[in-house]
Amino acid sequence: MSNTLDRSPNQLMRALRGDLSPGEFAASVRRAAREIGEHVSCDARYVGRIESGEIRCPNYAYERVFRHMFPGSSLQELGFAPRREVRRPEGPRRRAEGGEPQPRPGAPFEIHEENDDVHRRTFLSSGPVAVAAALGLDHPAAAEVPLGTRVGAEDALKVEAAVRDIRLLDDVHGADALFDRAGRALRRAYQLLNCGSYSARVEQRLQAAAGELAISVGWLAHDSGRLLEARSFYAEALATARMADDARLEAHSFCNSAFLARDAGRPREAVRAAQAARQAANGLGSPRLRSLLAMREAGGWALLQDRGACERSIGLARQLFEAGPAEADPEWMSFYGEAELLGLESQCWSALGVWELATDRARRAIALQPPHFVRNRALYTAELAHDQLGRGELAEAAESGGQVVALFGEVRSTRIRDMVAGTVARLRPYQSVPEVADFVRRYDAALAG
């Protein structure tokens, strides 16, 4: 293969740089790297080497940074060659196509394949067939958006529809079956923003929709156990909110970031993010939104074992919730009813070790949950099993856990499965209890199947 073919210009990365100079774009790469804990020495020369095609495939640090900057994009979708095409099976000093020596590890081009589950999106191989049809942006023929493509209101409408479809499907199936295709839809939305030509009105609508889509994909990453990727998607949504001066999107971004921080074991960050969200939401006229944000803060206080602060936040959340719905309530908050409020409160009492209140709230959440929210019924029941175990109710915990196992075929949520796995691990030593033995057997059979 000729050197000319090896070094065909990377027009996609050039288009993504937009009006930024190579130096300015390099600075944005370094900032993005710091956001995810990476260190790269990107400068204008490196950007030039990418765009000229000299760097056919970046190393893994740069790959992670570019994925953070352009969520949902693979290397090929950013104009790079597949890693397998630049990989050599022989020794590290073998020369690459075109006669150039292979670089040492850590240089901007690497030859070893990465076995990294964080970036391997294969959930959909057995997911619901409905997903493919529902996410209208996920069509191979619509993969690339040429620079200057005219973008209109109907394009923004498609992004908004994708957000709604993801939320509806998540309520039924859980995140694992949706994450891959939703990521592609997000990539398409940001390509419309970055490469399209549109009016100011369409831009505003498209920014809001793309930000909401980033949050939806971030939630799917969160629920499927990919916490680092979720953090990246939420950061992307927050950046979009700040650029668009969109307080609603900013409040939503911080809301989900608080939930993620709690699940990731960063309670101080959870409290700070929830407080930032409340500040953004103060002028939006939605008591229900402020109620949810108070519950997010309560979750952080619970992990910090500050019962007083947690109880005050729960009390505020209840007070705001009882103010009732308002026209200003965001569309994405449709899940936040009495059942969700009780479910979140149950999690707080569980974190504090107040098992009686935790089990009471979990039972009430299950009873109030609408039947079509299958995923949430499974979540609350898994929480109930954990709380019953905390009370020493082995048979009852096994029975509740078994109800969740029965839903495994319908609900594909790594987060819920991990909760059940934790309950199973704690119950295994007690299989002399018939209900426990039956639960463990059914769980093992479900995993083997």
Protein backbone atom coordinates (compact mmCIF):
# COMPACT_ATOMS: atom_id res chain seq x y z
CA MET A 1 0.00 0.00 0.00
CA SER A 2 1.37 3.39 -0.93
CA ASN A 3 2.31 6.12 1.48
CA THR A 4 -0.24 8.39 -0.21
CA LEU A 5 -3.08 6.02 0.63
CA ASP A 6 -1.83 5.68 4.19
CA ARG A 7 -1.92 9.42 4.68
CA SER A 8 -5.26 10.43 3.23
CA PRO A 9 -6.47 13.54 5.11
CA ASN A 10 -8.79 13.05 8.04
CA GLN A 11 -11.58 15.32 6.87
CA LEU A 12 -13.94 14.36 9.70
CA MET A 13 -11.60 15.58 12.41
CA ARG A 14 -10.95 18.73 10.41
CA ALA A 15 -14.72 19.33 10.22
CA LEU A 16 -15.10 18.75 13.95
CA ARG A 17 -12.43 21.37 14.65
CA GLY A 18 -14.72 23.89 12.98
CA ASP A 19 -13.64 27.52 13.32
CA LEU A 20 -11.09 26.81 16.04
CA SER A 21 -7.42 27.21 15.15
CA PRO A 22 -5.26 24.07 15.55
CA GLY A 23 -3.86 25.58 18.75
CA GLU A 24 -7.31 26.34 20.15
CA PHE A 25 -8.53 22.86 19.30
CA ALA A 26 -5.45 21.36 20.96
CA ALA A 27 -6.28 23.34 24.11
CA SER A 28 -9.81 21.95 24.07
CA VAL A 29 -8.38 18.42 23.79
CA ARG A 30 -6.17 19.02 26.84
CA ARG A 31 -9.13 20.38 28.80
CA ALA A 32 -11.26 17.37 27.88
CA ALA A 33 -8.44 15.07 28.97
CA ARG A 34 -8.29 16.70 32.39
CA GLU A 35 -12.05 16.21 32.78
CA ILE A 36 -11.63 12.43 32.62
CA GLY A 37 -8.30 12.18 34.42
CA GLU A 38 -6.13 11.67 31.32
CA HIS A 39 -2.93 13.53 30.49
CA VAL A 40 -2.10 14.24 26.86
CA SER A 41 0.42 16.69 25.42
CA CYS A 42 -1.71 17.81 22.52
CA ASP A 43 -0.50 20.83 20.53
CA ALA A 44 -1.16 22.40 17.12
CA ARG A 45 1.42 20.13 15.50
CA TYR A 46 -0.36 17.02 16.77
CA VAL A 47 -3.67 18.33 15.42
CA GLY A 48 -2.00 18.90 12.07
CA ARG A 49 -0.65 15.33 12.03
CA ILE A 50 -4.15 13.99 12.67
CA GLU A 51 -5.76 16.07 9.94
CA SER A 52 -3.05 15.28 7.41
CA GLY A 53 -3.57 11.57 7.98
CA GLU A 54 -0.08 11.01 9.39
CA ILE A 55 -1.66 9.66 12.57
CA ARG A 56 -3.92 6.95 11.25
CA CYS A 57 -4.99 5.71 14.67
CA PRO A 58 -4.43 7.48 18.03
CA ASN A 59 -3.20 5.79 21.16
CA TYR A 60 -5.67 4.72 23.80
CA ALA A 61 -5.34 7.85 25.94
CA TYR A 62 -6.22 10.05 22.98
CA GLU A 63 -8.99 7.66 21.97
CA ARG A 64 -10.61 8.04 25.38
CA VAL A 65 -10.33 11.81 25.16
CA PHE A 66 -11.85 11.95 21.67
CA ARG A 67 -14.69 9.66 22.78
CA HIS A 68 -15.30 12.03 25.67
CA MET A 69 -15.34 15.04 23.35
CA PHE A 70 -17.55 13.36 20.74
CA PRO A 71 -19.78 10.91 22.66
CA GLY A 72 -20.96 7.84 20.81
CA SER A 73 -18.27 8.02 18.11
CA SER A 74 -15.99 5.14 17.24
CA LEU A 75 -12.49 5.66 15.86
CA GLN A 76 -13.73 5.03 12.33
CA GLU A 77 -16.55 7.52 12.84
CA LEU A 78 -13.91 10.12 13.71
CA GLY A 79 -12.03 9.43 10.48
CA PHE A 80 -9.36 7.10 11.88
CA ALA A 81 -8.42 3.68 10.55
CA PRO A 82 -9.61 0.65 12.52
CA ARG A 83 -7.00 -0.41 15.03
CA ARG A 84 -6.80 -3.88 13.52
CA GLU A 85 -5.66 -2.38 10.20
CA VAL A 86 -2.67 -0.66 11.78
CA ARG A 87 -1.83 -3.46 14.19
CA ARG A 88 1.08 -5.82 13.42
CA PRO A 89 1.29 -9.33 14.86
CA GLU A 90 5.09 -9.32 14.90
CA GLY A 91 7.70 -7.61 17.05
CA PRO A 92 7.53 -3.98 18.12
CA ARG A 93 10.23 -2.83 15.70
CA ARG A 94 8.46 -4.07 12.57
CA ARG A 95 7.98 -1.18 10.14
CA ALA A 96 4.50 0.03 9.32
CA GLU A 97 2.97 0.33 5.88
CA GLY A 98 4.65 3.15 4.02
CA GLY A 99 8.02 2.35 5.57
CA GLU A 100 7.65 4.20 8.86
CA PRO A 101 8.82 2.51 12.09
CA GLN A 102 6.25 1.47 14.64
CA PRO A 103 6.23 3.95 17.53
CA ARG A 104 7.04 3.08 21.11
CA PRO A 105 4.16 2.60 23.59
CA GLY A 106 2.74 5.94 24.65
CA ALA A 107 3.40 7.62 21.29
CA PRO A 108 0.39 9.00 19.39
CA PHE A 109 0.01 5.71 17.50
CA GLU A 110 -0.09 2.22 19.04
CA ILE A 111 -0.11 -1.31 17.66
CA HIS A 112 -1.66 -3.34 20.47
CA GLU A 113 -5.36 -4.06 20.61
CA GLU A 114 -7.25 -3.04 23.73
CA ASN A 115 -9.51 -5.43 25.60
CA ASP A 116 -11.47 -2.70 27.36
CA ASP A 117 -15.10 -3.42 28.21
CA VAL A 118 -15.71 0.25 28.95
CA HIS A 119 -15.51 0.94 25.22
CA ARG A 120 -16.94 -2.30 23.85
CA ARG A 121 -20.61 -1.69 23.04
CA THR A 122 -22.14 -5.06 22.30
CA PHE A 123 -25.28 -5.01 24.41
CA LEU A 124 -27.69 -5.07 21.49
CA SER A 125 -26.85 -8.48 20.07
CA SER A 126 -29.77 -9.93 22.03
CA GLY A 127 -31.80 -6.80 22.76
CA PRO A 128 -35.44 -6.16 21.90
CA VAL A 129 -36.16 -5.94 18.20
CA ALA A 130 -38.26 -2.84 18.83
CA VAL A 131 -35.21 -0.79 19.71
CA ALA A 132 -33.84 -0.70 16.18
CA ALA A 133 -37.03 0.72 14.75
CA ALA A 134 -37.70 3.11 17.60
CA LEU A 135 -34.52 5.15 17.47
CA GLY A 136 -35.07 6.86 14.16
CA LEU A 137 -31.64 8.52 14.10
CA ASP A 138 -29.88 5.16 14.20
CA HIS A 139 -29.72 4.36 10.51
CA PRO A 140 -26.42 3.41 8.81
CA ALA A 141 -27.20 5.52 5.77
CA ALA A 142 -27.54 8.57 8.01
CA ALA A 143 -24.15 8.09 9.69
CA GLU A 144 -22.32 11.13 8.35
CA VAL A 145 -23.39 14.76 8.14
CA PRO A 146 -21.44 16.67 5.47
CA LEU A 147 -20.18 20.07 6.52
CA GLY A 148 -22.76 22.76 5.75
CA THR A 149 -25.73 20.40 5.55
CA ARG A 150 -28.95 22.35 5.96
CA VAL A 151 -30.64 21.39 9.24
CA GLY A 152 -34.28 22.24 9.85
CA ALA A 153 -36.99 21.88 12.48
CA GLU A 154 -37.77 18.33 11.37
CA ASP A 155 -34.20 17.28 12.20
CA ALA A 156 -34.55 18.72 15.70
CA LEU A 157 -37.87 16.90 15.99
CA LYS A 158 -36.15 13.58 15.25
CA VAL A 159 -33.66 14.16 18.05
CA GLU A 160 -36.49 15.03 20.44
CA ALA A 161 -38.35 11.89 19.38
CA ALA A 162 -35.27 9.76 20.01
CA VAL A 163 -35.10 11.10 23.58
CA ARG A 164 -38.74 10.17 24.19
CA ASP A 165 -38.30 6.72 22.65
CA ILE A 166 -35.28 5.97 24.81
CA ARG A 167 -37.17 6.92 27.98
CA LEU A 168 -40.18 4.82 27.06
CA LEU A 169 -38.10 1.78 26.14
CA ASP A 170 -35.95 2.12 29.26
CA ASP A 171 -39.06 1.99 31.43
CA VAL A 172 -39.84 -1.42 29.94
CA HIS A 173 -36.52 -3.04 29.07
CA GLY A 174 -33.78 -1.34 31.11
CA ALA A 175 -30.56 0.17 29.82
CA ASP A 176 -28.45 -2.74 28.58
CA ALA A 177 -30.59 -3.32 25.49
CA LEU A 178 -30.52 0.34 24.46
CA PHE A 179 -27.07 1.76 25.13
CA ASP A 180 -25.33 0.98 21.85
CA ARG A 181 -27.97 2.35 19.49
CA ALA A 182 -28.71 5.32 21.71
CA GLY A 183 -25.03 6.25 21.55
CA ARG A 184 -25.19 6.27 17.77
CA ALA A 185 -28.26 8.48 17.86
CA LEU A 186 -26.37 10.89 20.12
CA ARG A 187 -23.41 10.98 17.75
CA ARG A 188 -25.78 11.87 14.91
CA ALA A 189 -27.34 14.68 16.96
CA TYR A 190 -23.98 16.27 17.73
CA GLN A 191 -22.92 15.94 14.11
CA LEU A 192 -26.01 17.95 13.17
CA LEU A 193 -24.92 20.61 15.66
CA ASN A 194 -21.26 20.63 14.72
CA CYS A 195 -21.50 20.28 10.95
CA GLY A 196 -24.93 21.59 10.03
CA SER A 197 -26.21 24.97 8.93
CA TYR A 198 -29.35 26.21 10.67
CA SER A 199 -31.34 29.17 11.92
CA ALA A 200 -30.99 30.54 15.45
CA ARG A 201 -34.37 29.04 16.38
CA VAL A 202 -33.39 25.58 15.14
CA GLU A 203 -30.02 25.88 16.88
CA GLN A 204 -31.68 26.55 20.23
CA ARG A 205 -34.03 23.62 19.82
CA LEU A 206 -31.31 21.29 18.57
CA GLN A 207 -28.97 22.19 21.43
CA ALA A 208 -31.65 21.44 24.01
CA ALA A 209 -32.56 18.15 22.34
CA ALA A 210 -28.95 17.03 21.93
CA GLY A 211 -28.24 17.87 25.57
CA GLU A 212 -31.26 15.86 26.71
CA LEU A 213 -30.16 12.99 24.50
CA ALA A 214 -26.69 13.10 26.07
CA ILE A 215 -28.31 12.82 29.49
CA SER A 216 -30.45 9.89 28.31
CA VAL A 217 -27.41 8.06 26.97
CA GLY A 218 -25.55 8.90 30.17
CA TRP A 219 -28.35 7.32 32.18
CA LEU A 220 -28.21 4.19 30.02
CA ALA A 221 -24.46 4.02 30.69
CA HIS A 222 -25.12 4.51 34.41
CA ASP A 223 -27.80 1.81 34.59
CA SER A 224 -25.65 -0.63 32.63
CA GLY A 225 -22.70 -0.22 34.99
CA ARG A 226 -20.55 2.08 32.85
CA LEU A 227 -20.11 4.86 35.38
CA LEU A 228 -17.09 6.54 33.78
CA GLU A 229 -18.89 6.83 30.47
CA ALA A 230 -22.00 8.13 32.20
CA ARG A 231 -19.92 10.85 33.83
CA SER A 232 -18.59 11.84 30.41
CA PHE A 233 -22.05 12.04 28.84
CA TYR A 234 -23.39 14.15 31.72
CA ALA A 235 -20.40 16.49 31.38
CA GLU A 236 -21.20 16.82 27.66
CA ALA A 237 -24.79 17.71 28.48
CA LEU A 238 -23.70 20.25 31.07
CA ALA A 239 -21.30 21.88 28.60
CA THR A 240 -24.13 22.10 26.07
CA ALA A 241 -26.39 23.66 28.71
CA ARG A 242 -23.81 26.25 29.63
CA MET A 243 -23.13 27.18 26.00
CA ALA A 244 -26.86 27.48 25.32
CA ASP A 245 -27.58 29.28 28.61
CA ASP A 246 -30.27 26.66 29.24
CA ALA A 247 -31.15 26.49 32.96
CA ARG A 248 -33.51 23.53 32.46
CA LEU A 249 -30.84 21.43 30.80
CA GLU A 250 -28.28 22.52 33.41
CA ALA A 251 -30.56 21.45 36.27
CA HIS A 252 -31.18 18.08 34.59
CA SER A 253 -27.44 17.53 34.00
CA PHE A 254 -26.57 18.24 37.64
CA CYS A 255 -29.52 16.13 38.82
CA ASN A 256 -28.24 13.05 37.03
CA SER A 257 -24.64 13.82 38.01
CA ALA A 258 -25.72 13.82 41.67
CA PHE A 259 -27.38 10.42 41.28
CA LEU A 260 -24.31 9.04 39.53
CA ALA A 261 -21.95 10.41 42.19
CA ARG A 262 -24.00 8.73 44.90
CA ASP A 263 -23.88 5.35 43.12
CA ALA A 264 -20.14 5.80 42.46
CA GLY A 265 -19.44 6.32 46.17
CA ARG A 266 -18.75 10.07 45.97
CA PRO A 267 -21.35 11.43 48.44
CA ARG A 268 -19.83 14.90 48.82
CA GLU A 269 -19.94 15.35 45.08
CA ALA A 270 -23.54 14.08 45.08
CA VAL A 271 -24.53 16.76 47.60
CA ARG A 272 -22.72 19.53 45.71
CA ALA A 273 -24.19 18.50 42.35
CA ALA A 274 -27.71 18.37 43.81
CA GLN A 275 -27.26 21.81 45.34
CA ALA A 276 -26.00 23.18 42.02
CA ALA A 277 -29.04 21.67 40.32
CA ARG A 278 -31.38 23.31 42.85
CA GLN A 279 -29.73 26.67 42.20
CA ALA A 280 -30.24 26.25 38.45
CA ALA A 281 -33.87 25.20 39.00
CA ASN A 282 -34.87 28.03 41.35
CA GLY A 283 -36.41 30.21 38.66
CA LEU A 284 -38.03 27.45 36.62
CA GLY A 285 -41.37 27.33 38.44
CA SER A 286 -41.43 23.57 39.07
CA PRO A 287 -41.81 22.46 42.71
CA ARG A 288 -41.70 18.81 41.59
CA LEU A 289 -38.29 19.35 40.01
CA ARG A 290 -37.00 20.98 43.18
CA SER A 291 -38.47 18.06 45.15
CA LEU A 292 -36.50 15.54 43.10
CA LEU A 293 -33.33 17.57 43.55
CA ALA A 294 -33.88 17.65 47.31
CA MET A 295 -34.11 13.83 47.22
CA ARG A 296 -30.85 13.68 45.26
CA GLU A 297 -29.23 15.74 47.99
CA ALA A 298 -30.77 13.49 50.65
CA GLY A 299 -29.12 10.49 49.01
CA GLY A 300 -25.71 12.10 49.38
CA TRP A 301 -26.31 13.00 53.03
CA ALA A 302 -27.42 9.42 53.72
CA LEU A 303 -24.16 8.00 52.40
CA LEU A 304 -22.31 10.53 54.57
CA GLN A 305 -24.28 9.15 57.54
CA ASP A 306 -25.62 12.61 58.31
CA ARG A 307 -29.13 11.62 59.37
CA GLY A 308 -30.18 15.13 60.36
CA ALA A 309 -29.31 16.67 56.99
CA CYS A 310 -30.86 13.69 55.21
CA GLU A 311 -34.13 14.03 57.11
CA ARG A 312 -34.28 17.77 56.39
CA SER A 313 -33.79 17.12 52.66
CA ILE A 314 -36.45 14.40 52.68
CA GLY A 315 -38.84 16.73 54.48
CA LEU A 316 -38.23 19.48 51.93
CA ALA A 317 -38.70 17.01 49.08
CA ARG A 318 -42.03 15.88 50.52
CA GLN A 319 -43.20 19.46 51.06
CA LEU A 320 -42.32 20.47 47.50
CA PHE A 321 -43.85 17.29 46.07
CA GLU A 322 -47.15 17.95 47.82
CA ALA A 323 -47.33 21.36 46.13
CA GLY A 324 -48.47 19.32 43.14
CA PRO A 325 -47.62 19.30 39.44
CA ALA A 326 -47.11 22.49 37.45
CA GLU A 327 -47.11 23.43 33.79
CA ALA A 328 -43.40 24.14 34.10
CA ASP A 329 -42.56 20.54 35.11
CA PRO A 330 -39.99 19.16 32.63
CA GLU A 331 -41.17 16.41 30.33
CA TRP A 332 -38.37 14.09 31.45
CA MET A 333 -39.77 14.07 35.00
CA SER A 334 -42.75 11.88 34.10
CA PHE A 335 -41.17 9.06 36.16
CA TYR A 336 -41.21 11.13 39.35
CA GLY A 337 -44.41 10.21 41.10
CA GLU A 338 -45.24 9.07 44.60
CA ALA A 339 -43.67 5.66 43.93
CA GLU A 340 -40.33 7.15 42.88
CA LEU A 341 -40.32 9.51 45.86
CA LEU A 342 -40.83 6.56 48.20
CA GLY A 343 -38.25 4.47 46.36
CA LEU A 344 -35.61 7.18 46.75
CA GLU A 345 -36.51 7.62 50.40
CA SER A 346 -36.14 3.86 50.89
CA GLN A 347 -32.62 4.06 49.52
CA CYS A 348 -31.78 6.81 52.00
CA TRP A 349 -33.00 4.85 55.01
CA SER A 350 -31.19 1.78 53.70
CA ALA A 351 -27.91 3.70 53.48
CA LEU A 352 -28.46 4.89 57.05
CA GLY A 353 -29.23 1.33 58.23
CA VAL A 354 -32.77 2.22 59.34
CA TRP A 355 -34.19 -1.03 57.99
CA GLU A 356 -37.77 -0.74 59.24
CA LEU A 357 -38.34 2.55 57.41
CA ALA A 358 -36.40 1.31 54.38
CA THR A 359 -38.59 -1.79 53.97
CA ASP A 360 -41.78 0.20 54.57
CA ARG A 361 -40.95 2.74 51.88
CA ALA A 362 -39.85 0.05 49.42
CA ARG A 363 -43.10 -1.91 49.87
CA ARG A 364 -45.17 1.23 49.35
CA ALA A 365 -43.15 2.13 46.25
CA ILE A 366 -43.80 -1.30 44.73
CA ALA A 367 -47.53 -1.05 45.47
CA LEU A 368 -47.82 2.37 43.84
CA GLN A 369 -45.66 1.68 40.78
CA PRO A 370 -47.68 1.62 37.53
CA PRO A 371 -47.52 -1.85 35.91
CA HIS A 372 -45.89 -0.66 32.69
CA PHE A 373 -42.81 0.62 34.59
CA VAL A 374 -41.37 -2.88 34.71
CA ARG A 375 -37.82 -1.74 35.30
CA ASN A 376 -38.75 0.34 38.34
CA ARG A 377 -40.82 -2.48 39.83
CA ALA A 378 -37.74 -4.69 39.55
CA LEU A 379 -35.57 -1.96 41.08
CA TYR A 380 -37.82 -1.38 44.11
CA THR A 381 -38.19 -5.11 44.67
CA ALA A 382 -34.42 -5.58 44.56
CA GLU A 383 -34.14 -2.75 47.10
CA LEU A 384 -36.76 -4.45 49.28
CA ALA A 385 -34.80 -7.72 49.22
CA HIS A 386 -31.68 -5.86 50.36
CA ASP A 387 -33.58 -4.13 53.16
CA GLN A 388 -35.25 -7.35 54.33
CA LEU A 389 -31.84 -8.94 54.50
CA GLY A 390 -30.70 -6.00 56.60
CA ARG A 391 -33.49 -6.86 59.04
CA GLY A 392 -32.41 -10.50 59.12
CA GLU A 393 -35.52 -11.68 57.24
CA LEU A 394 -33.81 -14.36 55.15
CA ALA A 395 -36.86 -16.10 53.71
CA GLU A 396 -38.57 -12.81 52.87
CA ALA A 397 -35.43 -11.45 51.20
CA ALA A 398 -35.15 -14.63 49.14
CA GLU A 399 -38.78 -14.35 48.05
CA SER A 400 -38.35 -10.74 46.94
CA GLY A 401 -35.10 -11.56 45.18
CA GLY A 402 -36.83 -14.37 43.32
CA GLN A 403 -39.45 -11.94 42.03
CA VAL A 404 -36.67 -9.84 40.49
CA VAL A 405 -35.00 -12.91 38.94
CA ALA A 406 -38.35 -13.70 37.28
CA LEU A 407 -38.10 -10.33 35.52
CA PHE A 408 -34.55 -10.84 34.19
CA GLY A 409 -35.90 -11.79 30.78
CA GLU A 410 -37.77 -8.51 30.48
CA VAL A 411 -35.45 -6.08 32.24
CA ARG A 412 -31.86 -5.74 31.09
CA SER A 413 -30.24 -3.56 33.74
CA THR A 414 -26.75 -4.30 35.00
CA ARG A 415 -27.40 -2.07 38.00
CA ILE A 416 -30.43 -4.13 39.11
CA ARG A 417 -28.66 -7.42 38.45
CA ASP A 418 -25.72 -6.27 40.54
CA MET A 419 -28.10 -5.50 43.40
CA VAL A 420 -29.55 -9.00 43.20
CA ALA A 421 -26.08 -10.52 42.94
CA GLY A 422 -25.14 -8.80 46.20
CA THR A 423 -28.22 -10.25 47.91
CA VAL A 424 -27.43 -13.74 46.57
CA ALA A 425 -23.84 -13.55 47.79
CA ARG A 426 -24.99 -12.72 51.31
CA LEU A 427 -27.67 -15.44 51.30
CA ARG A 428 -25.61 -18.34 49.95
CA PRO A 429 -24.33 -19.43 53.39
CA TYR A 430 -27.94 -19.85 54.57
CA GLN A 431 -29.24 -22.40 52.05
CA SER A 432 -30.51 -24.54 54.90
CA VAL A 433 -33.50 -22.17 54.72
CA PRO A 434 -35.70 -23.67 51.96
CA GLU A 435 -36.71 -20.31 50.48
CA VAL A 436 -33.08 -19.26 50.28
CA ALA A 437 -32.02 -22.50 48.61
CA ASP A 438 -34.79 -22.10 46.03
CA PHE A 439 -33.83 -18.48 45.34
CA VAL A 440 -30.14 -19.30 44.89
CA ARG A 441 -31.00 -22.18 42.56
CA ARG A 442 -33.28 -19.99 40.42
CA TYR A 443 -30.69 -17.22 40.30
CA ASP A 444 -27.90 -19.60 39.21
CA ALA A 445 -30.19 -21.12 36.56
CA ALA A 446 -31.06 -17.67 35.23
CA LEU A 447 -27.38 -16.79 34.85
CA ALA A 448 -26.57 -20.13 33.19
CA GLY A 449 -29.43 -19.65 30.73
